[in-house]
Each structure stands twice: as C-alpha cells, then as structure tokens.
All heavy atoms as atom14 arrays in JSON, in Angstrom:
{
  "sequence": "SGSVFLDDGSEIPFDAAAFDAGPLRLLRSGQRVNIIVAGE",
  "atom14_mask": [
    [1, 1, 1, 1, 1, 1, 0, 0, 0, 0, 0, 0, 0, 0],
    [1, 1, 1, 1, 0, 0, 0, 0, 0, 0, 0, 0, 0, 0],
    [1, 1, 1, 1, 1, 1, 0, 0, 0, 0, 0, 0, 0, 0],
    [1, 1, 1, 1, 1, 1, 1, 0, 0, 0, 0, 0, 0, 0],
    [1, 1, 1, 1, 1, 1, 1, 1, 1, 1, 1, 0, 0, 0],
    [1, 1, 1, 1, 1, 1, 1, 1, 0, 0, 0, 0, 0, 0],
    [1, 1, 1, 1, 1, 1, 1, 1, 0, 0, 0, 0, 0, 0],
    [1, 1, 1, 1, 1, 1, 1, 1, 0, 0, 0, 0, 0, 0],
    [1, 1, 1, 1, 0, 0, 0, 0, 0, 0, 0, 0, 0, 0],
    [1, 1, 1, 1, 1, 1, 0, 0, 0, 0, 0, 0, 0, 0],
    [1, 1, 1, 1, 1, 1, 1, 1, 1, 0, 0, 0, 0, 0],
    [1, 1, 1, 1, 1, 1, 1, 1, 0, 0, 0, 0, 0, 0],
    [1, 1, 1, 1, 1, 1, 1, 0, 0, 0, 0, 0, 0, 0],
    [1, 1, 1, 1, 1, 1, 1, 1, 1, 1, 1, 0, 0, 0],
    [1, 1, 1, 1, 1, 1, 1, 1, 0, 0, 0, 0, 0, 0],
    [1, 1, 1, 1, 1, 0, 0, 0, 0, 0, 0, 0, 0, 0],
    [1, 1, 1, 1, 1, 0, 0, 0, 0, 0, 0, 0, 0, 0],
    [1, 1, 1, 1, 1, 0, 0, 0, 0, 0, 0, 0, 0, 0],
    [1, 1, 1, 1, 1, 1, 1, 1, 1, 1, 1, 0, 0, 0],
    [1, 1, 1, 1, 1, 1, 1, 1, 0, 0, 0, 0, 0, 0],
    [1, 1, 1, 1, 1, 0, 0, 0, 0, 0, 0, 0, 0, 0],
    [1, 1, 1, 1, 0, 0, 0, 0, 0, 0, 0, 0, 0, 0],
    [1, 1, 1, 1, 1, 1, 1, 0, 0, 0, 0, 0, 0, 0],
    [1, 1, 1, 1, 1, 1, 1, 1, 0, 0, 0, 0, 0, 0],
    [1, 1, 1, 1, 1, 1, 1, 1, 1, 1, 1, 0, 0, 0],
    [1, 1, 1, 1, 1, 1, 1, 1, 0, 0, 0, 0, 0, 0],
    [1, 1, 1, 1, 1, 1, 1, 1, 0, 0, 0, 0, 0, 0],
    [1, 1, 1, 1, 1, 1, 1, 1, 1, 1, 1, 0, 0, 0],
    [1, 1, 1, 1, 1, 1, 0, 0, 0, 0, 0, 0, 0, 0],
    [1, 1, 1, 1, 0, 0, 0, 0, 0, 0, 0, 0, 0, 0],
    [1, 1, 1, 1, 1, 1, 1, 1, 1, 0, 0, 0, 0, 0],
    [1, 1, 1, 1, 1, 1, 1, 1, 1, 1, 1, 0, 0, 0],
    [1, 1, 1, 1, 1, 1, 1, 0, 0, 0, 0, 0, 0, 0],
    [1, 1, 1, 1, 1, 1, 1, 1, 0, 0, 0, 0, 0, 0],
    [1, 1, 1, 1, 1, 1, 1, 1, 0, 0, 0, 0, 0, 0],
    [1, 1, 1, 1, 1, 1, 1, 1, 0, 0, 0, 0, 0, 0],
    [1, 1, 1, 1, 1, 1, 1, 0, 0, 0, 0, 0, 0, 0],
    [1, 1, 1, 1, 1, 0, 0, 0, 0, 0, 0, 0, 0, 0],
    [1, 1, 1, 1, 0, 0, 0, 0, 0, 0, 0, 0, 0, 0],
    [1, 1, 1, 1, 1, 1, 1, 1, 1, 0, 0, 0, 0, 0]
  ],
  "atom14_positions": [
    [[-11.35, 79.62, -59.29], [-10.55, 78.59, -59.94], [-9.61, 77.96, -58.92], [-9.43, 78.47, -57.82], [-9.74, 79.19, -61.09], [-8.84, 80.16, -60.59], [0.0, 0.0, 0.0], [0.0, 0.0, 0.0], [0.0, 0.0, 0.0], [0.0, 0.0, 0.0], [0.0, 0.0, 0.0], [0.0, 0.0, 0.0], [0.0, 0.0, 0.0], [0.0, 0.0, 0.0]],
    [[-9.02, 76.83, -59.3], [-8.11, 76.15, -58.4], [-7.6, 74.87, -59.02], [-7.5, 74.75, -60.24], [0.0, 0.0, 0.0], [0.0, 0.0, 0.0], [0.0, 0.0, 0.0], [0.0, 0.0, 0.0], [0.0, 0.0, 0.0], [0.0, 0.0, 0.0], [0.0, 0.0, 0.0], [0.0, 0.0, 0.0], [0.0, 0.0, 0.0], [0.0, 0.0, 0.0]],
    [[-7.31, 73.9, -58.16], [-6.84, 72.6, -58.65], [-7.25, 71.51, -57.68], [-7.53, 71.78, -56.51], [-5.33, 72.61, -58.85], [-4.68, 72.79, -57.61], [0.0, 0.0, 0.0], [0.0, 0.0, 0.0], [0.0, 0.0, 0.0], [0.0, 0.0, 0.0], [0.0, 0.0, 0.0], [0.0, 0.0, 0.0], [0.0, 0.0, 0.0], [0.0, 0.0, 0.0]],
    [[-7.27, 70.29, -58.2], [-7.59, 69.11, -57.39], [-6.53, 68.05, -57.6], [-5.85, 68.03, -58.63], [-8.99, 68.53, -57.74], [-10.09, 69.53, -57.46], [-9.04, 68.04, -59.17], [0.0, 0.0, 0.0], [0.0, 0.0, 0.0], [0.0, 0.0, 0.0], [0.0, 0.0, 0.0], [0.0, 0.0, 0.0], [0.0, 0.0, 0.0], [0.0, 0.0, 0.0]],
    [[-6.39, 67.18, -56.6], [-5.56, 66.0, -56.72], [-6.46, 64.81, -56.98], [-7.45, 64.6, -56.27], [-4.81, 65.7, -55.41], [-3.6, 66.54, -55.17], [-3.45, 67.21, -53.97], [-2.59, 66.64, -56.1], [-2.33, 67.97, -53.72], [-1.46, 67.41, -55.87], [-1.33, 68.07, -54.66], [0.0, 0.0, 0.0], [0.0, 0.0, 0.0], [0.0, 0.0, 0.0]],
    [[-6.13, 64.02, -58.01], [-6.8, 62.75, -58.21], [-6.24, 61.75, -57.22], [-5.19, 61.99, -56.62], [-6.59, 62.26, -59.64], [-7.13, 63.16, -60.75], [-6.84, 62.54, -62.11], [-8.6, 63.43, -60.57], [0.0, 0.0, 0.0], [0.0, 0.0, 0.0], [0.0, 0.0, 0.0], [0.0, 0.0, 0.0], [0.0, 0.0, 0.0], [0.0, 0.0, 0.0]],
    [[-6.9, 60.63, -57.06], [-6.44, 59.62, -56.1], [-5.08, 59.04, -56.48], [-4.37, 58.53, -55.61], [-7.48, 58.51, -55.95], [-8.73, 59.01, -55.24], [-8.68, 60.07, -54.59], [-9.76, 58.32, -55.34], [0.0, 0.0, 0.0], [0.0, 0.0, 0.0], [0.0, 0.0, 0.0], [0.0, 0.0, 0.0], [0.0, 0.0, 0.0], [0.0, 0.0, 0.0]],
    [[-4.68, 59.15, -57.75], [-3.36, 58.66, -58.15], [-2.26, 59.71, -57.92], [-1.1, 59.49, -58.26], [-3.36, 58.19, -59.61], [-3.54, 59.33, -60.62], [-3.6, 60.52, -60.22], [-3.62, 59.02, -61.82], [0.0, 0.0, 0.0], [0.0, 0.0, 0.0], [0.0, 0.0, 0.0], [0.0, 0.0, 0.0], [0.0, 0.0, 0.0], [0.0, 0.0, 0.0]],
    [[-2.64, 60.88, -57.37], [-1.66, 61.92, -57.05], [-1.49, 62.96, -58.14], [-0.83, 63.98, -57.91], [0.0, 0.0, 0.0], [0.0, 0.0, 0.0], [0.0, 0.0, 0.0], [0.0, 0.0, 0.0], [0.0, 0.0, 0.0], [0.0, 0.0, 0.0], [0.0, 0.0, 0.0], [0.0, 0.0, 0.0], [0.0, 0.0, 0.0], [0.0, 0.0, 0.0]],
    [[-2.08, 62.76, -59.31], [-1.94, 63.76, -60.36], [-2.85, 64.96, -60.05], [-3.88, 64.84, -59.4], [-2.25, 63.17, -61.73], [-3.55, 62.62, -61.76], [0.0, 0.0, 0.0], [0.0, 0.0, 0.0], [0.0, 0.0, 0.0], [0.0, 0.0, 0.0], [0.0, 0.0, 0.0], [0.0, 0.0, 0.0], [0.0, 0.0, 0.0], [0.0, 0.0, 0.0]],
    [[-2.41, 66.11, -60.52], [-3.12, 67.36, -60.26], [-3.8, 67.86, -61.52], [-3.21, 67.82, -62.6], [-2.13, 68.42, -59.76], [-2.76, 69.72, -59.37], [-1.75, 70.74, -58.86], [-0.56, 70.4, -58.72], [-2.17, 71.87, -58.61], [0.0, 0.0, 0.0], [0.0, 0.0, 0.0], [0.0, 0.0, 0.0], [0.0, 0.0, 0.0], [0.0, 0.0, 0.0]],
    [[-5.05, 68.32, -61.38], [-5.8, 68.87, -62.51], [-6.3, 70.25, -62.1], [-6.99, 70.38, -61.09], [-7.0, 67.98, -62.9], [-6.54, 66.6, -63.32], [-7.8, 68.64, -64.02], [-7.69, 65.67, -63.67], [0.0, 0.0, 0.0], [0.0, 0.0, 0.0], [0.0, 0.0, 0.0], [0.0, 0.0, 0.0], [0.0, 0.0, 0.0], [0.0, 0.0, 0.0]],
    [[-6.0, 71.27, -62.89], [-6.54, 72.61, -62.6], [-7.99, 72.71, -63.07], [-8.43, 71.95, -63.94], [-5.64, 73.54, -63.42], [-5.17, 72.7, -64.55], [-5.08, 71.29, -64.03], [0.0, 0.0, 0.0], [0.0, 0.0, 0.0], [0.0, 0.0, 0.0], [0.0, 0.0, 0.0], [0.0, 0.0, 0.0], [0.0, 0.0, 0.0], [0.0, 0.0, 0.0]],
    [[-8.74, 73.63, -62.47], [-10.09, 73.93, -62.97], [-10.27, 75.43, -63.01], [-9.66, 76.17, -62.26], [-11.18, 73.25, -62.12], [-11.26, 73.69, -60.7], [-12.06, 74.76, -60.32], [-10.55, 73.02, -59.71], [-12.16, 75.17, -59.0], [-10.63, 73.41, -58.38], [-11.44, 74.48, -58.02], [0.0, 0.0, 0.0], [0.0, 0.0, 0.0], [0.0, 0.0, 0.0]],
    [[-11.14, 75.86, -63.94], [-11.39, 77.28, -64.1], [-12.77, 77.65, -63.55], [-13.5, 76.79, -63.04], [-11.25, 77.69, -65.57], [-12.17, 76.9, -66.5], [-13.15, 76.29, -66.02], [-11.91, 76.89, -67.71], [0.0, 0.0, 0.0], [0.0, 0.0, 0.0], [0.0, 0.0, 0.0], [0.0, 0.0, 0.0], [0.0, 0.0, 0.0], [0.0, 0.0, 0.0]],
    [[-13.11, 78.92, -63.66], [-14.38, 79.4, -63.13], [-15.57, 78.72, -63.78], [-16.59, 78.47, -63.12], [-14.48, 80.91, -63.3], [0.0, 0.0, 0.0], [0.0, 0.0, 0.0], [0.0, 0.0, 0.0], [0.0, 0.0, 0.0], [0.0, 0.0, 0.0], [0.0, 0.0, 0.0], [0.0, 0.0, 0.0], [0.0, 0.0, 0.0], [0.0, 0.0, 0.0]],
    [[-15.47, 78.38, -65.07], [-16.58, 77.72, -65.76], [-16.9, 76.38, -65.13], [-18.07, 76.03, -64.95], [-16.25, 77.56, -67.24], [0.0, 0.0, 0.0], [0.0, 0.0, 0.0], [0.0, 0.0, 0.0], [0.0, 0.0, 0.0], [0.0, 0.0, 0.0], [0.0, 0.0, 0.0], [0.0, 0.0, 0.0], [0.0, 0.0, 0.0], [0.0, 0.0, 0.0]],
    [[-15.88, 75.61, -64.75], [-16.1, 74.31, -64.1], [-16.72, 74.5, -62.73], [-17.62, 73.76, -62.32], [-14.79, 73.54, -64.0], [0.0, 0.0, 0.0], [0.0, 0.0, 0.0], [0.0, 0.0, 0.0], [0.0, 0.0, 0.0], [0.0, 0.0, 0.0], [0.0, 0.0, 0.0], [0.0, 0.0, 0.0], [0.0, 0.0, 0.0], [0.0, 0.0, 0.0]],
    [[-16.25, 75.5, -61.98], [-16.8, 75.77, -60.66], [-18.24, 76.25, -60.77], [-19.12, 75.79, -60.05], [-15.95, 76.81, -59.93], [-16.44, 77.12, -58.55], [-16.19, 76.25, -57.5], [-17.15, 78.27, -58.3], [-16.67, 76.52, -56.22], [-17.61, 78.55, -57.02], [-17.37, 77.68, -55.98], [0.0, 0.0, 0.0], [0.0, 0.0, 0.0], [0.0, 0.0, 0.0]],
    [[-18.51, 77.16, -61.69], [-19.85, 77.73, -61.86], [-20.86, 76.73, -62.4], [-22.07, 76.92, -62.24], [-19.8, 78.95, -62.78], [-19.05, 80.12, -62.17], [-18.83, 80.12, -60.94], [-18.66, 81.02, -62.93], [0.0, 0.0, 0.0], [0.0, 0.0, 0.0], [0.0, 0.0, 0.0], [0.0, 0.0, 0.0], [0.0, 0.0, 0.0], [0.0, 0.0, 0.0]],
    [[-20.4, 75.64, -63.02], [-21.31, 74.62, -63.54], [-22.03, 73.87, -62.43], [-23.12, 73.34, -62.63], [-20.54, 73.63, -64.42], [0.0, 0.0, 0.0], [0.0, 0.0, 0.0], [0.0, 0.0, 0.0], [0.0, 0.0, 0.0], [0.0, 0.0, 0.0], [0.0, 0.0, 0.0], [0.0, 0.0, 0.0], [0.0, 0.0, 0.0], [0.0, 0.0, 0.0]],
    [[-21.45, 73.84, -61.25], [-22.04, 73.15, -60.11], [-22.73, 74.1, -59.16], [-22.76, 75.31, -59.38], [0.0, 0.0, 0.0], [0.0, 0.0, 0.0], [0.0, 0.0, 0.0], [0.0, 0.0, 0.0], [0.0, 0.0, 0.0], [0.0, 0.0, 0.0], [0.0, 0.0, 0.0], [0.0, 0.0, 0.0], [0.0, 0.0, 0.0], [0.0, 0.0, 0.0]],
    [[-23.27, 73.57, -58.05], [-24.04, 74.39, -57.12], [-23.22, 75.03, -55.99], [-23.78, 75.55, -55.05], [-25.01, 73.35, -56.52], [-24.19, 72.1, -56.48], [-23.36, 72.14, -57.74], [0.0, 0.0, 0.0], [0.0, 0.0, 0.0], [0.0, 0.0, 0.0], [0.0, 0.0, 0.0], [0.0, 0.0, 0.0], [0.0, 0.0, 0.0], [0.0, 0.0, 0.0]],
    [[-21.91, 75.0, -56.08], [-21.07, 75.41, -54.96], [-20.87, 76.91, -54.87], [-20.96, 77.62, -55.86], [-19.7, 74.73, -55.05], [-19.72, 73.21, -55.12], [-18.3, 72.69, -55.22], [-20.42, 72.64, -53.9], [0.0, 0.0, 0.0], [0.0, 0.0, 0.0], [0.0, 0.0, 0.0], [0.0, 0.0, 0.0], [0.0, 0.0, 0.0], [0.0, 0.0, 0.0]],
    [[-20.55, 77.35, -53.65], [-20.21, 78.75, -53.4], [-18.78, 78.9, -52.93], [-18.2, 79.98, -53.02], [-21.14, 79.35, -52.36], [-22.57, 79.41, -52.82], [-23.42, 80.06, -51.8], [-24.8, 80.07, -52.26], [-25.78, 80.63, -51.62], [-25.54, 81.22, -50.47], [-26.99, 80.6, -52.09], [0.0, 0.0, 0.0], [0.0, 0.0, 0.0], [0.0, 0.0, 0.0]],
    [[-18.2, 77.81, -52.4], [-16.87, 77.87, -51.82], [-16.29, 76.46, -51.73], [-17.04, 75.5, -51.6], [-16.95, 78.47, -50.39], [-15.65, 78.72, -49.66], [-14.86, 79.82, -50.34], [-15.95, 79.12, -48.22], [0.0, 0.0, 0.0], [0.0, 0.0, 0.0], [0.0, 0.0, 0.0], [0.0, 0.0, 0.0], [0.0, 0.0, 0.0], [0.0, 0.0, 0.0]],
    [[-14.98, 76.36, -51.79], [-14.28, 75.09, -51.58], [-13.14, 75.34, -50.6], [-12.61, 76.45, -50.54], [-13.69, 74.56, -52.89], [-14.67, 73.97, -53.89], [-13.96, 73.71, -55.22], [-15.28, 72.69, -53.35], [0.0, 0.0, 0.0], [0.0, 0.0, 0.0], [0.0, 0.0, 0.0], [0.0, 0.0, 0.0], [0.0, 0.0, 0.0], [0.0, 0.0, 0.0]],
    [[-12.76, 74.3, -49.87], [-11.62, 74.37, -48.95], [-10.62, 73.29, -49.32], [-11.0, 72.19, -49.75], [-12.08, 74.14, -47.51], [-12.94, 75.24, -46.94], [-13.27, 75.01, -45.46], [-13.55, 73.62, -45.09], [-14.72, 73.02, -45.14], [-15.77, 73.67, -45.58], [-14.85, 71.77, -44.76], [0.0, 0.0, 0.0], [0.0, 0.0, 0.0], [0.0, 0.0, 0.0]],
    [[-9.35, 73.59, -49.13], [-8.31, 72.58, -49.36], [-8.61, 71.35, -48.52], [-9.01, 71.47, -47.36], [-6.94, 73.13, -48.98], [-6.58, 74.16, -49.85], [0.0, 0.0, 0.0], [0.0, 0.0, 0.0], [0.0, 0.0, 0.0], [0.0, 0.0, 0.0], [0.0, 0.0, 0.0], [0.0, 0.0, 0.0], [0.0, 0.0, 0.0], [0.0, 0.0, 0.0]],
    [[-8.46, 70.19, -49.12], [-8.69, 68.93, -48.43], [-10.09, 68.37, -48.59], [-10.33, 67.21, -48.22], [0.0, 0.0, 0.0], [0.0, 0.0, 0.0], [0.0, 0.0, 0.0], [0.0, 0.0, 0.0], [0.0, 0.0, 0.0], [0.0, 0.0, 0.0], [0.0, 0.0, 0.0], [0.0, 0.0, 0.0], [0.0, 0.0, 0.0], [0.0, 0.0, 0.0]],
    [[-11.03, 69.15, -49.12], [-12.39, 68.64, -49.32], [-12.41, 67.58, -50.42], [-11.72, 67.71, -51.42], [-13.35, 69.76, -49.73], [-13.9, 70.55, -48.61], [-14.92, 71.56, -49.1], [-14.63, 72.39, -49.95], [-16.13, 71.49, -48.56], [0.0, 0.0, 0.0], [0.0, 0.0, 0.0], [0.0, 0.0, 0.0], [0.0, 0.0, 0.0], [0.0, 0.0, 0.0]],
    [[-13.23, 66.55, -50.22], [-13.46, 65.55, -51.26], [-14.54, 66.08, -52.19], [-15.56, 66.62, -51.74], [-13.89, 64.22, -50.65], [-12.8, 63.5, -49.93], [-11.68, 63.05, -50.84], [-12.11, 61.9, -51.64], [-11.38, 61.35, -52.6], [-10.19, 61.82, -52.88], [-11.83, 60.32, -53.27], [0.0, 0.0, 0.0], [0.0, 0.0, 0.0], [0.0, 0.0, 0.0]],
    [[-14.32, 65.92, -53.47], [-15.26, 66.42, -54.47], [-15.48, 65.38, -55.55], [-14.66, 64.48, -55.75], [-14.75, 67.73, -55.12], [-14.79, 68.89, -54.13], [-13.35, 67.57, -55.69], [0.0, 0.0, 0.0], [0.0, 0.0, 0.0], [0.0, 0.0, 0.0], [0.0, 0.0, 0.0], [0.0, 0.0, 0.0], [0.0, 0.0, 0.0], [0.0, 0.0, 0.0]],
    [[-16.62, 65.49, -56.21], [-16.91, 64.74, -57.42], [-16.59, 65.65, -58.59], [-16.91, 66.85, -58.56], [-18.38, 64.33, -57.49], [-18.7, 63.17, -56.59], [-17.85, 62.35, -56.27], [-19.95, 63.09, -56.16], [0.0, 0.0, 0.0], [0.0, 0.0, 0.0], [0.0, 0.0, 0.0], [0.0, 0.0, 0.0], [0.0, 0.0, 0.0], [0.0, 0.0, 0.0]],
    [[-15.99, 65.09, -59.63], [-15.62, 65.89, -60.79], [-15.99, 65.17, -62.08], [-16.15, 63.95, -62.09], [-14.12, 66.22, -60.81], [-13.27, 64.94, -60.87], [-13.73, 67.09, -59.63], [-11.79, 65.19, -61.07], [0.0, 0.0, 0.0], [0.0, 0.0, 0.0], [0.0, 0.0, 0.0], [0.0, 0.0, 0.0], [0.0, 0.0, 0.0], [0.0, 0.0, 0.0]],
    [[-16.12, 65.95, -63.14], [-16.26, 65.42, -64.49], [-15.1, 65.99, -65.29], [-14.85, 67.2, -65.26], [-17.6, 65.81, -65.13], [-18.76, 65.18, -64.36], [-17.64, 65.37, -66.59], [-20.14, 65.6, -64.85], [0.0, 0.0, 0.0], [0.0, 0.0, 0.0], [0.0, 0.0, 0.0], [0.0, 0.0, 0.0], [0.0, 0.0, 0.0], [0.0, 0.0, 0.0]],
    [[-14.39, 65.11, -65.97], [-13.26, 65.51, -66.81], [-13.57, 65.13, -68.25], [-13.99, 64.01, -68.52], [-11.96, 64.82, -66.34], [-10.8, 65.18, -67.24], [-11.65, 65.18, -64.9], [0.0, 0.0, 0.0], [0.0, 0.0, 0.0], [0.0, 0.0, 0.0], [0.0, 0.0, 0.0], [0.0, 0.0, 0.0], [0.0, 0.0, 0.0], [0.0, 0.0, 0.0]],
    [[-13.39, 66.09, -69.15], [-13.57, 65.84, -70.59], [-12.21, 66.05, -71.25], [-11.69, 67.16, -71.23], [-14.6, 66.78, -71.18], [0.0, 0.0, 0.0], [0.0, 0.0, 0.0], [0.0, 0.0, 0.0], [0.0, 0.0, 0.0], [0.0, 0.0, 0.0], [0.0, 0.0, 0.0], [0.0, 0.0, 0.0], [0.0, 0.0, 0.0], [0.0, 0.0, 0.0]],
    [[-11.65, 64.98, -71.75], [-10.29, 65.06, -72.28], [-9.34, 65.27, -71.11], [-9.28, 64.47, -70.2], [0.0, 0.0, 0.0], [0.0, 0.0, 0.0], [0.0, 0.0, 0.0], [0.0, 0.0, 0.0], [0.0, 0.0, 0.0], [0.0, 0.0, 0.0], [0.0, 0.0, 0.0], [0.0, 0.0, 0.0], [0.0, 0.0, 0.0], [0.0, 0.0, 0.0]],
    [[-8.65, 66.39, -71.11], [-7.76, 66.73, -70.0], [-8.29, 67.9, -69.19], [-7.6, 68.41, -68.31], [-6.36, 67.05, -70.54], [-5.69, 65.86, -71.19], [-4.29, 66.19, -71.66], [-3.72, 67.2, -71.21], [-3.77, 65.43, -72.47], [0.0, 0.0, 0.0], [0.0, 0.0, 0.0], [0.0, 0.0, 0.0], [0.0, 0.0, 0.0], [0.0, 0.0, 0.0]]
  ]
}
C-alpha cells in the first residue's frame, strides 16, 4: 500500500487491492503511474 500525488498536488492513498489489481511487483517514490479512481 502507499499513496500517490495527482498533478494538482492532492494525495490519494491506495491499498493492497489496488496494487494487486495491476501487474506490478514494486513501486518507487517519484515513479509516474497510471491510476483508476472510483469515487474517492
């Protein structure tokens, strides 16, 4: 789990379910990512 910054500077947390939905094994601070947000 972790959090991301949107381009407007707001921060959104994500949980293991969001991470596990994609093909990733690891993320590093500063990486650009594509995300899907449903509601908040």
